[in-house]
Amino acid sequence: MKIWVNDGLLAAEGALVSVFDHGLTVGDGIFETVKAVQGRPFALTRHLDRLTRSARGLGMPEPDHDRIRHACTAVLDANPMALGRLRITYTGGLSPLSSTRGTQAPTLVVAAGEIQRRPDTTAAVTVPWTRNERGAVAGLKTTSYAENVVALARAGEQGASEALLANTVGRLCEGTGTNVFVVIDGEAHTPPLASGCLAGITRALVLEWSGARETDLPLDVLERADEIFLTSSTRDVQAVHRIDNRELPDAPGPVTSKAMRVFEERAGADLDP
């Protein structure tokens, strides 16, 4: 396994960052997870644009897109795989042992790992914790993922692969690593970005390609939605067959099935939409 660290490829055992890196000490970093198909990244331009938005949100220097594209190509060429997860991590770099960021350049790490295609359906649960839609990092894809780790562990304990969260005012927000869509009366809806959810790449493509709408939704919409589906870079479009103790035995339903089919067709035709 070869991993890109800052300026070149290294063997995995030598791909190290300092214990004083701000991404390690205080979680001061951002990242992108990009699906790779037959050695080619999917929607990389959109991911790099979002990486830049996250960097601006944290007050970090803007990442060099050409440099990261070169690193992604090098990593994928060095690690052939049919279907992979390409992880781009960009941190505050060497810094003091405090919340104050240092003056060194950011750290860049690009790694890849092979993944399997997700099942067409999955189970999800709701959890009691909330997203802060007014927080300083709301909508940014940061490396501070401890809240997601806790919520996802709760989901795993209940036989589910995802945990769904409300925001602080009780509106449906997102999953730990997904965006959520609900189908009501034959129409797909997903929470607006103002809810505090991440501006998912797959979410945006589904909105563009399927005619789904952004709608402010209460959390309890999950109790009455006709269909529910999740989107993410590694799941694409995945139906939910159980939410908490509620079964949706016909999942994927007709609206979800169409969204799945359209996404697969459009994504297959253009790897950088």
C-alpha atoms as a PDB file:
ATOM      1  CA  MET A   1       0.000   0.000   0.000  1.00  0.00           C
ATOM      2  CA  LYS A   2       1.306   3.426  -0.995  1.00  0.00           C
ATOM      3  CA  ILE A   3       0.080   6.630   0.658  1.00  0.00           C
ATOM      4  CA  TRP A   4       0.717  10.233  -0.307  1.00  0.00           C
ATOM      5  CA  VAL A   5       2.035  12.404   2.541  1.00  0.00           C
ATOM      6  CA  ASN A   6       2.691  16.082   1.749  1.00  0.00           C
ATOM      7  CA  ASP A   7       4.964  15.815  -1.283  1.00  0.00           C
ATOM      8  CA  GLY A   8       5.188  12.196  -2.345  1.00  0.00           C
ATOM      9  CA  LEU A   9       4.253   8.548  -2.086  1.00  0.00           C
ATOM     10  CA  LEU A  10       5.410   6.500   0.868  1.00  0.00           C
ATOM     11  CA  ALA A  11       4.994   2.889   1.889  1.00  0.00           C
ATOM     12  CA  ALA A  12       2.190   2.548   4.433  1.00  0.00           C
ATOM     13  CA  GLU A  13       4.547   1.727   7.306  1.00  0.00           C
ATOM     14  CA  GLY A  14       6.508   4.919   6.666  1.00  0.00           C
ATOM     15  CA  ALA A  15       3.533   7.193   5.947  1.00  0.00           C
ATOM     16  CA  LEU A  16       3.619   9.139   9.198  1.00  0.00           C
ATOM     17  CA  VAL A  17       2.642  12.581  10.449  1.00  0.00           C
ATOM     18  CA  SER A  18       3.944  14.344  13.534  1.00  0.00           C
ATOM     19  CA  VAL A  19       2.368  13.847  16.969  1.00  0.00           C
ATOM     20  CA  PHE A  20       2.226  17.654  17.023  1.00  0.00           C
ATOM     21  CA  ASP A  21       0.016  17.851  13.943  1.00  0.00           C
ATOM     22  CA  HIS A  22      -3.031  19.987  14.731  1.00  0.00           C
ATOM     23  CA  GLY A  23      -5.279  17.435  13.071  1.00  0.00           C
ATOM     24  CA  LEU A  24      -4.245  14.922  15.725  1.00  0.00           C
ATOM     25  CA  THR A  25      -4.053  17.148  18.788  1.00  0.00           C
ATOM     26  CA  VAL A  26      -7.297  19.119  18.375  1.00  0.00           C
ATOM     27  CA  GLY A  27      -9.023  17.736  15.273  1.00  0.00           C
ATOM     28  CA  ASP A  28      -8.136  20.825  13.237  1.00  0.00           C
ATOM     29  CA  GLY A  29      -8.557  19.412   9.774  1.00  0.00           C
ATOM     30  CA  ILE A  30     -10.893  18.723   6.884  1.00  0.00           C
ATOM     31  CA  PHE A  31     -11.317  15.776   4.570  1.00  0.00           C
ATOM     32  CA  GLU A  32     -13.101  14.349   1.568  1.00  0.00           C
ATOM     33  CA  THR A  33     -14.067  10.757   0.816  1.00  0.00           C
ATOM     34  CA  VAL A  34     -14.149  10.138  -2.921  1.00  0.00           C
ATOM     35  CA  LYS A  35     -15.387   7.001  -4.624  1.00  0.00           C
ATOM     36  CA  ALA A  36     -12.885   5.544  -7.090  1.00  0.00           C
ATOM     37  CA  VAL A  37     -14.043   3.286  -9.927  1.00  0.00           C
ATOM     38  CA  GLN A  38     -11.422   1.283 -11.829  1.00  0.00           C
ATOM     39  CA  GLY A  39      -8.715   3.661 -10.695  1.00  0.00           C
ATOM     40  CA  ARG A  40     -10.592   6.864 -11.488  1.00  0.00           C
ATOM     41  CA  PRO A  41     -12.118   9.225  -8.902  1.00  0.00           C
ATOM     42  CA  PHE A  42     -15.800  10.102  -9.124  1.00  0.00           C
ATOM     43  CA  ALA A  43     -16.927  13.750  -8.963  1.00  0.00           C
ATOM     44  CA  LEU A  44     -13.445  14.889  -7.920  1.00  0.00           C
ATOM     45  CA  THR A  45     -14.034  18.497  -9.000  1.00  0.00           C
ATOM     46  CA  ARG A  46     -17.052  18.791  -6.713  1.00  0.00           C
ATOM     47  CA  HIS A  47     -15.135  17.219  -3.847  1.00  0.00           C
ATOM     48  CA  LEU A  48     -12.205  19.603  -4.257  1.00  0.00           C
ATOM     49  CA  ASP A  49     -14.554  22.577  -4.388  1.00  0.00           C
ATOM     50  CA  ARG A  50     -16.135  21.433  -1.112  1.00  0.00           C
ATOM     51  CA  LEU A  51     -12.688  20.885   0.411  1.00  0.00           C
ATOM     52  CA  THR A  52     -11.923  24.517  -0.400  1.00  0.00           C
ATOM     53  CA  ARG A  53     -15.175  25.683   1.186  1.00  0.00           C
ATOM     54  CA  SER A  54     -14.335  23.719   4.330  1.00  0.00           C
ATOM     55  CA  ALA A  55     -10.829  25.204   4.401  1.00  0.00           C
ATOM     56  CA  ARG A  56     -12.257  28.713   4.168  1.00  0.00           C
ATOM     57  CA  GLY A  57     -14.693  27.906   6.939  1.00  0.00           C
ATOM     58  CA  LEU A  58     -11.841  26.886   9.253  1.00  0.00           C
ATOM     59  CA  GLY A  59      -9.604  29.760   8.159  1.00  0.00           C
ATOM     60  CA  MET A  60      -7.028  27.401   6.638  1.00  0.00           C
ATOM     61  CA  PRO A  61      -4.968  28.154   3.521  1.00  0.00           C
ATOM     62  CA  GLU A  62      -6.880  27.087   0.432  1.00  0.00           C
ATOM     63  CA  PRO A  63      -5.748  23.695  -0.895  1.00  0.00           C
ATOM     64  CA  ASP A  64      -3.961  23.477  -4.231  1.00  0.00           C
ATOM     65  CA  HIS A  65      -6.335  21.516  -6.464  1.00  0.00           C
ATOM     66  CA  ASP A  66      -3.682  20.594  -9.033  1.00  0.00           C
ATOM     67  CA  ARG A  67      -1.430  19.230  -6.299  1.00  0.00           C
ATOM     68  CA  ILE A  68      -4.236  17.143  -4.831  1.00  0.00           C
ATOM     69  CA  ARG A  69      -5.294  15.841  -8.239  1.00  0.00           C
ATOM     70  CA  HIS A  70      -1.706  14.741  -8.838  1.00  0.00           C
ATOM     71  CA  ALA A  71      -1.622  13.028  -5.446  1.00  0.00           C
ATOM     72  CA  CYS A  72      -4.938  11.253  -6.118  1.00  0.00           C
ATOM     73  CA  THR A  73      -3.718   9.967  -9.477  1.00  0.00           C
ATOM     74  CA  ALA A  74      -0.454   8.751  -7.949  1.00  0.00           C
ATOM     75  CA  VAL A  75      -2.238   6.923  -5.118  1.00  0.00           C
ATOM     76  CA  LEU A  76      -4.768   5.257  -7.402  1.00  0.00           C
ATOM     77  CA  ASP A  77      -2.080   4.234  -9.894  1.00  0.00           C
ATOM     78  CA  ALA A  78       0.016   2.746  -7.079  1.00  0.00           C
ATOM     79  CA  ASN A  79      -2.915   0.869  -5.521  1.00  0.00           C
ATOM     80  CA  PRO A  80      -5.044  -0.721  -8.280  1.00  0.00           C
ATOM     81  CA  MET A  81      -8.575  -1.641  -7.191  1.00  0.00           C
ATOM     82  CA  ALA A  82     -11.928  -2.070  -8.886  1.00  0.00           C
ATOM     83  CA  LEU A  83     -13.882  -0.048  -6.337  1.00  0.00           C
ATOM     84  CA  GLY A  84     -12.194   2.110  -3.753  1.00  0.00           C
ATOM     85  CA  ARG A  85     -12.505   4.822  -1.149  1.00  0.00           C
ATOM     86  CA  LEU A  86     -10.068   7.686  -1.753  1.00  0.00           C
ATOM     87  CA  ARG A  87      -9.506   9.723   1.411  1.00  0.00           C
ATOM     88  CA  ILE A  88      -8.077  13.248   1.151  1.00  0.00           C
ATOM     89  CA  THR A  89      -7.093  14.704   4.542  1.00  0.00           C
ATOM     90  CA  TYR A  90      -5.883  18.286   4.980  1.00  0.00           C
ATOM     91  CA  THR A  91      -4.938  19.460   8.464  1.00  0.00           C
ATOM     92  CA  GLY A  92      -3.629  22.513  10.307  1.00  0.00           C
ATOM     93  CA  GLY A  93      -0.109  21.059  10.264  1.00  0.00           C
ATOM     94  CA  LEU A  94       2.558  21.334  12.956  1.00  0.00           C
ATOM     95  CA  SER A  95       1.193  23.485  15.769  1.00  0.00           C
ATOM     96  CA  PRO A  96       1.539  24.163  19.511  1.00  0.00           C
ATOM     97  CA  LEU A  97      -0.182  21.884  22.009  1.00  0.00           C
ATOM     98  CA  SER A  98      -3.176  24.214  22.174  1.00  0.00           C
ATOM     99  CA  SER A  99      -6.055  25.358  19.997  1.00  0.00           C
ATOM    100  CA  THR A 100      -3.815  28.005  18.427  1.00  0.00           C
ATOM    101  CA  ARG A 101      -2.732  27.008  14.927  1.00  0.00           C
ATOM    102  CA  GLY A 102       0.971  27.161  14.101  1.00  0.00           C
ATOM    103  CA  THR A 103       2.702  28.839  11.188  1.00  0.00           C
ATOM    104  CA  GLN A 104       3.725  25.682   9.331  1.00  0.00           C
ATOM    105  CA  ALA A 105       2.102  24.605   6.080  1.00  0.00           C
ATOM    106  CA  PRO A 106      -0.946  22.342   6.249  1.00  0.00           C
ATOM    107  CA  THR A 107      -0.468  18.583   6.145  1.00  0.00           C
ATOM    108  CA  LEU A 108      -1.840  16.711   3.120  1.00  0.00           C
ATOM    109  CA  VAL A 109      -2.504  12.977   3.195  1.00  0.00           C
ATOM    110  CA  VAL A 110      -4.143  10.983   0.399  1.00  0.00           C
ATOM    111  CA  ALA A 111      -4.860   7.298   0.941  1.00  0.00           C
ATOM    112  CA  ALA A 112      -7.034   4.669  -0.702  1.00  0.00           C
ATOM    113  CA  GLY A 113      -8.699   1.472   0.410  1.00  0.00           C
ATOM    114  CA  GLU A 114     -10.740  -1.119  -1.425  1.00  0.00           C
ATOM    115  CA  ILE A 115     -14.461  -1.292  -0.653  1.00  0.00           C
ATOM    116  CA  GLN A 116     -17.371  -3.511  -1.620  1.00  0.00           C
ATOM    117  CA  ARG A 117     -20.613  -2.328  -3.176  1.00  0.00           C
ATOM    118  CA  ARG A 118     -23.178  -1.593  -0.473  1.00  0.00           C
ATOM    119  CA  PRO A 119     -26.426  -3.623  -0.310  1.00  0.00           C
ATOM    120  CA  ASP A 120     -29.458  -1.999  -1.913  1.00  0.00           C
ATOM    121  CA  THR A 121     -31.141  -1.621   1.492  1.00  0.00           C
ATOM    122  CA  THR A 122     -30.057  -1.034   5.070  1.00  0.00           C
ATOM    123  CA  ALA A 123     -31.376  -0.311   8.552  1.00  0.00           C
ATOM    124  CA  ALA A 124     -31.045   3.052  10.304  1.00  0.00           C
ATOM    125  CA  VAL A 125     -31.880   4.388  13.757  1.00  0.00           C
ATOM    126  CA  THR A 126     -32.489   7.786  15.279  1.00  0.00           C
ATOM    127  CA  VAL A 127     -30.290   8.876  18.173  1.00  0.00           C
ATOM    128  CA  PRO A 128     -30.848  11.403  20.980  1.00  0.00           C
ATOM    129  CA  TRP A 129     -27.920  13.662  20.097  1.00  0.00           C
ATOM    130  CA  THR A 130     -28.267  16.680  17.825  1.00  0.00           C
ATOM    131  CA  ARG A 131     -26.464  18.626  15.150  1.00  0.00           C
ATOM    132  CA  ASN A 132     -25.843  22.274  16.001  1.00  0.00           C
ATOM    133  CA  GLU A 133     -27.053  24.102  12.904  1.00  0.00           C
ATOM    134  CA  ARG A 134     -25.614  27.360  14.291  1.00  0.00           C
ATOM    135  CA  GLY A 135     -22.190  26.009  15.248  1.00  0.00           C
ATOM    136  CA  ALA A 136     -18.906  27.365  13.920  1.00  0.00           C
ATOM    137  CA  VAL A 137     -18.290  24.248  11.835  1.00  0.00           C
ATOM    138  CA  ALA A 138     -21.869  23.539  10.747  1.00  0.00           C
ATOM    139  CA  GLY A 139     -21.860  22.259   7.180  1.00  0.00           C
ATOM    140  CA  LEU A 140     -18.065  21.806   7.090  1.00  0.00           C
ATOM    141  CA  LYS A 141     -16.509  18.380   6.553  1.00  0.00           C
ATOM    142  CA  THR A 142     -14.031  18.413   9.419  1.00  0.00           C
ATOM    143  CA  THR A 143     -11.959  15.628  10.933  1.00  0.00           C
ATOM    144  CA  SER A 144     -13.656  16.200  14.313  1.00  0.00           C
ATOM    145  CA  TYR A 145     -15.799  13.076  13.994  1.00  0.00           C
ATOM    146  CA  ALA A 146     -16.044  11.865  17.593  1.00  0.00           C
ATOM    147  CA  GLU A 147     -19.783  12.636  17.754  1.00  0.00           C
ATOM    148  CA  ASN A 148     -20.313  10.524  14.655  1.00  0.00           C
ATOM    149  CA  VAL A 149     -18.279   7.668  16.110  1.00  0.00           C
ATOM    150  CA  VAL A 150     -20.502   7.593  19.203  1.00  0.00           C
ATOM    151  CA  ALA A 151     -23.737   7.791  17.202  1.00  0.00           C
ATOM    152  CA  LEU A 152     -22.636   5.155  14.706  1.00  0.00           C
ATOM    153  CA  ALA A 153     -21.683   2.808  17.532  1.00  0.00           C
ATOM    154  CA  ARG A 154     -25.217   3.194  18.893  1.00  0.00           C
ATOM    155  CA  ALA A 155     -26.575   2.277  15.465  1.00  0.00           C
ATOM    156  CA  GLY A 156     -24.362  -0.786  15.319  1.00  0.00           C
ATOM    157  CA  GLU A 157     -25.652  -1.956  18.696  1.00  0.00           C
ATOM    158  CA  GLN A 158     -29.145  -1.941  17.193  1.00  0.00           C
ATOM    159  CA  GLY A 159     -28.219  -3.797  14.021  1.00  0.00           C
ATOM    160  CA  ALA A 160     -28.173  -0.702  11.822  1.00  0.00           C
ATOM    161  CA  SER A 161     -25.524   0.830   9.573  1.00  0.00           C
ATOM    162  CA  GLU A 162     -26.442   4.474  10.082  1.00  0.00           C
ATOM    163  CA  ALA A 163     -27.672   6.866  12.777  1.00  0.00           C
ATOM    164  CA  LEU A 164     -29.908   9.805  11.861  1.00  0.00           C
ATOM    165  CA  LEU A 165     -29.869  13.062  13.807  1.00  0.00           C
ATOM    166  CA  ALA A 166     -32.129  16.048  14.313  1.00  0.00           C
ATOM    167  CA  ASN A 167     -30.770  19.562  14.765  1.00  0.00           C
ATOM    168  CA  THR A 168     -31.211  21.645  17.912  1.00  0.00           C
ATOM    169  CA  VAL A 169     -34.770  22.689  16.981  1.00  0.00           C
ATOM    170  CA  GLY A 170     -35.975  19.151  16.297  1.00  0.00           C
ATOM    171  CA  ARG A 171     -35.807  19.219  12.516  1.00  0.00           C
ATOM    172  CA  LEU A 172     -34.467  16.295  10.509  1.00  0.00           C
ATOM    173  CA  CYS A 173     -30.825  16.944   9.632  1.00  0.00           C
ATOM    174  CA  GLU A 174     -28.583  14.108   8.409  1.00  0.00           C
ATOM    175  CA  GLY A 175     -26.825  10.857   9.222  1.00  0.00           C
ATOM    176  CA  THR A 176     -23.324  10.442  10.622  1.00  0.00           C
ATOM    177  CA  GLY A 177     -21.946  10.039   7.112  1.00  0.00           C
ATOM    178  CA  THR A 178     -24.992  10.379   4.898  1.00  0.00           C
ATOM    179  CA  ASN A 179     -27.729  12.688   3.766  1.00  0.00           C
ATOM    180  CA  VAL A 180     -31.286  11.478   4.180  1.00  0.00           C
ATOM    181  CA  PHE A 181     -34.252  11.668   1.808  1.00  0.00           C
ATOM    182  CA  VAL A 182     -37.880  10.850   2.586  1.00  0.00           C
ATOM    183  CA  VAL A 183     -40.658  10.142   0.118  1.00  0.00           C
ATOM    184  CA  ILE A 184     -44.120  11.540   0.851  1.00  0.00           C
ATOM    185  CA  ASP A 185     -47.020  11.193  -1.600  1.00  0.00           C
ATOM    186  CA  GLY A 186     -44.653  10.136  -4.342  1.00  0.00           C
ATOM    187  CA  GLU A 187     -42.218  13.040  -3.971  1.00  0.00           C
ATOM    188  CA  ALA A 188     -38.703  12.918  -2.509  1.00  0.00           C
ATOM    189  CA  HIS A 189     -37.599  15.535   0.037  1.00  0.00           C
ATOM    190  CA  THR A 190     -34.321  16.187   1.826  1.00  0.00           C
ATOM    191  CA  PRO A 191     -33.482  18.715   4.577  1.00  0.00           C
ATOM    192  CA  PRO A 192     -32.099  22.077   3.386  1.00  0.00           C
ATOM    193  CA  LEU A 193     -28.511  23.070   4.130  1.00  0.00           C
ATOM    194  CA  ALA A 194     -29.852  25.537   6.703  1.00  0.00           C
ATOM    195  CA  SER A 195     -30.702  22.494   8.842  1.00  0.00           C
ATOM    196  CA  GLY A 196     -26.977  22.117   9.514  1.00  0.00           C
ATOM    197  CA  CYS A 197     -26.457  19.111   7.264  1.00  0.00           C
ATOM    198  CA  LEU A 198     -23.409  18.616   5.084  1.00  0.00           C
ATOM    199  CA  ALA A 199     -23.717  19.639   1.448  1.00  0.00           C
ATOM    200  CA  GLY A 200     -23.251  16.075   0.249  1.00  0.00           C
ATOM    201  CA  ILE A 201     -21.917  15.516  -3.252  1.00  0.00           C
ATOM    202  CA  THR A 202     -24.274  12.601  -3.908  1.00  0.00           C
ATOM    203  CA  ARG A 203     -27.104  14.607  -2.321  1.00  0.00           C
ATOM    204  CA  ALA A 204     -26.536  17.438  -4.797  1.00  0.00           C
ATOM    205  CA  LEU A 205     -26.475  15.069  -7.765  1.00  0.00           C
ATOM    206  CA  VAL A 206     -29.676  13.334  -6.648  1.00  0.00           C
ATOM    207  CA  LEU A 207     -31.356  16.730  -6.319  1.00  0.00           C
ATOM    208  CA  GLU A 208     -30.227  17.644  -9.836  1.00  0.00           C
ATOM    209  CA  TRP A 209     -31.023  14.313 -11.445  1.00  0.00           C
ATOM    210  CA  SER A 210     -34.178  13.132  -9.678  1.00  0.00           C
ATOM    211  CA  GLY A 211     -36.330  16.218  -9.128  1.00  0.00           C
ATOM    212  CA  ALA A 212     -36.216  15.838  -5.335  1.00  0.00           C
ATOM    213  CA  ARG A 213     -36.855  18.958  -3.246  1.00  0.00           C
ATOM    214  CA  GLU A 214     -35.206  20.610  -0.258  1.00  0.00           C
ATOM    215  CA  THR A 215     -37.816  20.785   2.500  1.00  0.00           C
ATOM    216  CA  ASP A 216     -37.677  21.716   6.175  1.00  0.00           C
ATOM    217  CA  LEU A 217     -38.861  18.523   7.895  1.00  0.00           C
ATOM    218  CA  PRO A 218     -39.605  17.470  11.479  1.00  0.00           C
ATOM    219  CA  LEU A 219     -37.711  14.452  12.780  1.00  0.00           C
ATOM    220  CA  ASP A 220     -40.932  12.493  13.155  1.00  0.00           C
ATOM    221  CA  VAL A 221     -41.415  12.539   9.375  1.00  0.00           C
ATOM    222  CA  LEU A 222     -39.420   9.297   9.554  1.00  0.00           C
ATOM    223  CA  GLU A 223     -42.403   7.689  11.301  1.00  0.00           C
ATOM    224  CA  ARG A 224     -44.752   8.271   8.363  1.00  0.00           C
ATOM    225  CA  ALA A 225     -42.611   8.562   5.223  1.00  0.00           C
ATOM    226  CA  ASP A 226     -43.561   6.119   2.478  1.00  0.00           C
ATOM    227  CA  GLU A 227     -39.904   5.584   1.586  1.00  0.00           C
ATOM    228  CA  ILE A 228     -36.567   6.610   3.082  1.00  0.00           C
ATOM    229  CA  PHE A 229     -33.177   6.531   1.416  1.00  0.00           C
ATOM    230  CA  LEU A 230     -29.631   7.571   2.218  1.00  0.00           C
ATOM    231  CA  THR A 231     -26.987   9.092  -0.037  1.00  0.00           C
ATOM    232  CA  SER A 232     -23.215   9.268   0.283  1.00  0.00           C
ATOM    233  CA  SER A 233     -20.099   8.875  -1.813  1.00  0.00           C
ATOM    234  CA  THR A 234     -19.644   5.217  -0.868  1.00  0.00           C
ATOM    235  CA  ARG A 235     -23.342   4.261  -0.614  1.00  0.00           C
ATOM    236  CA  ASP A 236     -24.567   6.130  -3.729  1.00  0.00           C
ATOM    237  CA  VAL A 237     -28.347   5.809  -3.200  1.00  0.00           C
ATOM    238  CA  GLN A 238     -29.342   3.225  -0.586  1.00  0.00           C
ATOM    239  CA  ALA A 239     -32.878   2.424   0.548  1.00  0.00           C
ATOM    240  CA  VAL A 240     -33.790   2.089   4.225  1.00  0.00           C
ATOM    241  CA  HIS A 241     -35.817  -1.028   5.043  1.00  0.00           C
ATOM    242  CA  ARG A 242     -36.004  -0.338   8.790  1.00  0.00           C
ATOM    243  CA  ILE A 243     -35.957   2.895  10.772  1.00  0.00           C
ATOM    244  CA  ASP A 244     -35.807   2.247  14.516  1.00  0.00           C
ATOM    245  CA  ASN A 245     -38.543  -0.400  15.030  1.00  0.00           C
ATOM    246  CA  ARG A 246     -40.503   0.529  11.931  1.00  0.00           C
ATOM    247  CA  GLU A 247     -40.191  -1.811   8.975  1.00  0.00           C
ATOM    248  CA  LEU A 248     -40.483  -0.641   5.371  1.00  0.00           C
ATOM    249  CA  PRO A 249     -40.860  -4.091   3.814  1.00  0.00           C
ATOM    250  CA  ASP A 250     -41.192  -2.907   0.209  1.00  0.00           C
ATOM    251  CA  ALA A 251     -37.862  -1.058   0.195  1.00  0.00           C
ATOM    252  CA  PRO A 252     -36.606   0.053  -2.176  1.00  0.00           C
ATOM    253  CA  GLY A 253     -39.901   1.657  -3.154  1.00  0.00           C
ATOM    254  CA  PRO A 254     -40.644   3.041  -6.616  1.00  0.00           C
ATOM    255  CA  VAL A 255     -39.279   6.551  -6.053  1.00  0.00           C
ATOM    256  CA  THR A 256     -36.109   5.232  -4.434  1.00  0.00           C
ATOM    257  CA  SER A 257     -35.667   2.612  -7.151  1.00  0.00           C
ATOM    258  CA  LYS A 258     -35.874   5.290  -9.822  1.00  0.00           C
ATOM    259  CA  ALA A 259     -33.371   7.497  -7.982  1.00  0.00           C
ATOM    260  CA  MET A 260     -31.002   4.517  -7.711  1.00  0.00           C
ATOM    261  CA  ARG A 261     -31.341   3.686 -11.401  1.00  0.00           C
ATOM    262  CA  VAL A 262     -30.934   7.260 -12.607  1.00  0.00           C
ATOM    263  CA  PHE A 263     -27.916   7.842 -10.378  1.00  0.00           C
ATOM    264  CA  GLU A 264     -26.202   4.685 -11.599  1.00  0.00           C
ATOM    265  CA  GLU A 265     -26.832   5.582 -15.236  1.00  0.00           C
ATOM    266  CA  ARG A 266     -25.781   9.220 -14.973  1.00  0.00           C
ATOM    267  CA  ALA A 267     -22.731   8.511 -12.798  1.00  0.00           C
ATOM    268  CA  GLY A 268     -21.633   5.748 -15.158  1.00  0.00           C
ATOM    269  CA  ALA A 269     -21.815   8.112 -18.101  1.00  0.00           C
ATOM    270  CA  ASP A 270     -19.774  10.910 -16.506  1.00  0.00           C
ATOM    271  CA  LEU A 271     -17.161  10.366 -13.808  1.00  0.00           C
ATOM    272  CA  ASP A 272     -16.812  14.093 -13.094  1.00  0.00           C
ATOM    273  CA  PRO A 273     -20.325  15.510 -13.308  1.00  0.00           C
END
